[in-house]
Amino acid sequence: MELNRNQYFLIGIVVVLLGVQLRMVDAYVLNAPTTKFVVDKFGSADKQAAANATIPSLETVGSGASSSMRTVKPPVWAGWAAISIGAVLVLHSLAMPRPG
């Protein structure tokens, strides 16, 4: 499938908005099922150090490692990278010929 101008523009706008959201929000708090999934895939809940070594931006919310919610703090560069990539896609779409 070949992407046309409108699809590049839409993807660029979505990526820019995702980057703006990453820049505006400091941290995301995961609910219990999501935390369980992350712990199952990346490390054990009993070993706080192991989970933090695997995902450095993953921290436990509350007191102790028995808490069922964790928080993810995305790095600052992730938002800027998404905004930059989205802007390039939007500009590329404007330089392409119109469909039809």
C-alpha atoms as a PDB file:
ATOM      1  CA  MET A   1       0.000   0.000   0.000  1.00  0.00           C
ATOM      2  CA  GLU A   2       1.359   3.359  -0.994  1.00  0.00           C
ATOM      3  CA  LEU A   3       0.722   6.338   1.265  1.00  0.00           C
ATOM      4  CA  ASN A   4      -0.617   9.512  -0.302  1.00  0.00           C
ATOM      5  CA  ARG A   5      -0.459  13.136   0.803  1.00  0.00           C
ATOM      6  CA  ASN A   6      -3.513  13.019   3.065  1.00  0.00           C
ATOM      7  CA  GLN A   7      -2.278   9.945   4.931  1.00  0.00           C
ATOM      8  CA  TYR A   8       1.151  11.477   5.554  1.00  0.00           C
ATOM      9  CA  PHE A   9      -0.552  14.619   6.848  1.00  0.00           C
ATOM     10  CA  LEU A  10      -2.814  12.647   9.207  1.00  0.00           C
ATOM     11  CA  ILE A  11       0.058  10.562  10.571  1.00  0.00           C
ATOM     12  CA  GLY A  12       2.128  13.710  11.081  1.00  0.00           C
ATOM     13  CA  ILE A  13      -0.650  15.489  12.987  1.00  0.00           C
ATOM     14  CA  VAL A  14      -1.218  12.452  15.233  1.00  0.00           C
ATOM     15  CA  VAL A  15       2.507  12.150  16.006  1.00  0.00           C
ATOM     16  CA  VAL A  16       2.775  15.891  16.746  1.00  0.00           C
ATOM     17  CA  LEU A  17      -0.184  15.676  19.134  1.00  0.00           C
ATOM     18  CA  LEU A  18       1.342  12.616  20.821  1.00  0.00           C
ATOM     19  CA  GLY A  19       4.581  14.547  21.286  1.00  0.00           C
ATOM     20  CA  VAL A  20       2.719  17.515  22.758  1.00  0.00           C
ATOM     21  CA  GLN A  21       0.982  15.166  25.181  1.00  0.00           C
ATOM     22  CA  LEU A  22       4.324  13.647  26.210  1.00  0.00           C
ATOM     23  CA  ARG A  23       5.663  17.156  26.870  1.00  0.00           C
ATOM     24  CA  MET A  24       2.598  18.286  28.853  1.00  0.00           C
ATOM     25  CA  VAL A  25       2.246  15.253  31.159  1.00  0.00           C
ATOM     26  CA  ASP A  26       4.946  14.562  33.743  1.00  0.00           C
ATOM     27  CA  ALA A  27       4.018  10.959  34.567  1.00  0.00           C
ATOM     28  CA  TYR A  28       1.461   8.276  33.751  1.00  0.00           C
ATOM     29  CA  VAL A  29       0.056   6.174  36.618  1.00  0.00           C
ATOM     30  CA  LEU A  30      -0.641   2.599  35.569  1.00  0.00           C
ATOM     31  CA  ASN A  31      -3.642   0.731  36.968  1.00  0.00           C
ATOM     32  CA  ALA A  32      -3.352  -2.688  38.631  1.00  0.00           C
ATOM     33  CA  PRO A  33      -3.849  -4.903  35.523  1.00  0.00           C
ATOM     34  CA  THR A  34      -1.391  -2.856  33.479  1.00  0.00           C
ATOM     35  CA  THR A  35       1.149  -2.903  36.298  1.00  0.00           C
ATOM     36  CA  LYS A  36       0.783  -6.680  36.539  1.00  0.00           C
ATOM     37  CA  PHE A  37       1.370  -6.992  32.776  1.00  0.00           C
ATOM     38  CA  VAL A  38       4.477  -4.777  32.921  1.00  0.00           C
ATOM     39  CA  VAL A  39       5.880  -6.658  35.921  1.00  0.00           C
ATOM     40  CA  ASP A  40       5.238 -10.018  34.223  1.00  0.00           C
ATOM     41  CA  LYS A  41       7.012  -8.923  31.046  1.00  0.00           C
ATOM     42  CA  PHE A  42       9.903  -6.893  32.498  1.00  0.00           C
ATOM     43  CA  GLY A  43      10.564  -8.057  36.057  1.00  0.00           C
ATOM     44  CA  SER A  44       9.196  -9.369  39.313  1.00  0.00           C
ATOM     45  CA  ALA A  45       7.178  -7.245  41.783  1.00  0.00           C
ATOM     46  CA  ASP A  46       9.267  -8.512  44.717  1.00  0.00           C
ATOM     47  CA  LYS A  47      12.470  -7.195  43.192  1.00  0.00           C
ATOM     48  CA  GLN A  48      12.020  -3.425  42.953  1.00  0.00           C
ATOM     49  CA  ALA A  49      15.630  -2.972  41.847  1.00  0.00           C
ATOM     50  CA  ALA A  50      15.224  -5.470  39.016  1.00  0.00           C
ATOM     51  CA  ALA A  51      12.136  -3.717  37.688  1.00  0.00           C
ATOM     52  CA  ASN A  52      13.823  -0.330  37.869  1.00  0.00           C
ATOM     53  CA  ALA A  53      16.932  -1.700  36.151  1.00  0.00           C
ATOM     54  CA  THR A  54      14.791  -2.980  33.285  1.00  0.00           C
ATOM     55  CA  ILE A  55      12.627   0.144  33.015  1.00  0.00           C
ATOM     56  CA  PRO A  56      14.455   3.101  34.611  1.00  0.00           C
ATOM     57  CA  SER A  57      11.421   5.375  34.460  1.00  0.00           C
ATOM     58  CA  LEU A  58       9.120   2.893  36.254  1.00  0.00           C
ATOM     59  CA  GLU A  59       8.482   3.645  39.926  1.00  0.00           C
ATOM     60  CA  THR A  60       6.092   2.321  42.561  1.00  0.00           C
ATOM     61  CA  VAL A  61       3.306   4.632  43.710  1.00  0.00           C
ATOM     62  CA  GLY A  62       2.557   4.389  47.412  1.00  0.00           C
ATOM     63  CA  SER A  63       4.547   2.831  50.208  1.00  0.00           C
ATOM     64  CA  GLY A  64       6.550  -0.340  49.657  1.00  0.00           C
ATOM     65  CA  ALA A  65       6.847  -2.688  46.719  1.00  0.00           C
ATOM     66  CA  SER A  66       3.475  -4.279  47.520  1.00  0.00           C
ATOM     67  CA  SER A  67       1.608  -1.341  45.972  1.00  0.00           C
ATOM     68  CA  SER A  68      -0.468  -2.328  42.947  1.00  0.00           C
ATOM     69  CA  MET A  69       0.089   0.877  40.949  1.00  0.00           C
ATOM     70  CA  ARG A  70       3.212   2.171  39.281  1.00  0.00           C
ATOM     71  CA  THR A  71       4.066   5.346  37.468  1.00  0.00           C
ATOM     72  CA  VAL A  72       5.918   5.787  34.173  1.00  0.00           C
ATOM     73  CA  LYS A  73       7.875   8.996  33.627  1.00  0.00           C
ATOM     74  CA  PRO A  74       8.700   9.435  29.932  1.00  0.00           C
ATOM     75  CA  PRO A  75      12.021  11.112  29.167  1.00  0.00           C
ATOM     76  CA  VAL A  76      11.975  14.725  27.994  1.00  0.00           C
ATOM     77  CA  TRP A  77      13.553  13.841  24.661  1.00  0.00           C
ATOM     78  CA  ALA A  78      10.659  11.517  23.724  1.00  0.00           C
ATOM     79  CA  GLY A  79       8.200  14.399  23.414  1.00  0.00           C
ATOM     80  CA  TRP A  80      10.592  16.538  21.407  1.00  0.00           C
ATOM     81  CA  ALA A  81      11.415  13.598  19.124  1.00  0.00           C
ATOM     82  CA  ALA A  82       7.741  12.908  18.423  1.00  0.00           C
ATOM     83  CA  ILE A  83       7.052  16.590  17.721  1.00  0.00           C
ATOM     84  CA  SER A  84      10.038  16.738  15.342  1.00  0.00           C
ATOM     85  CA  ILE A  85       9.101  13.581  13.448  1.00  0.00           C
ATOM     86  CA  GLY A  86       5.484  14.710  13.165  1.00  0.00           C
ATOM     87  CA  ALA A  87       6.524  18.132  11.873  1.00  0.00           C
ATOM     88  CA  VAL A  88       8.725  16.535   9.217  1.00  0.00           C
ATOM     89  CA  LEU A  89       5.841  14.295   8.117  1.00  0.00           C
ATOM     90  CA  VAL A  90       3.453  17.266   7.882  1.00  0.00           C
ATOM     91  CA  LEU A  91       5.957  19.315   5.874  1.00  0.00           C
ATOM     92  CA  HIS A  92       6.660  16.333   3.626  1.00  0.00           C
ATOM     93  CA  SER A  93       2.947  15.917   2.970  1.00  0.00           C
ATOM     94  CA  LEU A  94       2.655  19.580   1.962  1.00  0.00           C
ATOM     95  CA  ALA A  95       5.500  19.142  -0.539  1.00  0.00           C
ATOM     96  CA  MET A  96       3.861  16.141  -2.209  1.00  0.00           C
ATOM     97  CA  PRO A  97       1.555  16.502  -5.235  1.00  0.00           C
ATOM     98  CA  ARG A  98      -2.178  16.511  -4.572  1.00  0.00           C
ATOM     99  CA  PRO A  99      -3.951  13.174  -5.013  1.00  0.00           C
ATOM    100  CA  GLY A 100      -6.031  12.723  -8.137  1.00  0.00           C
END
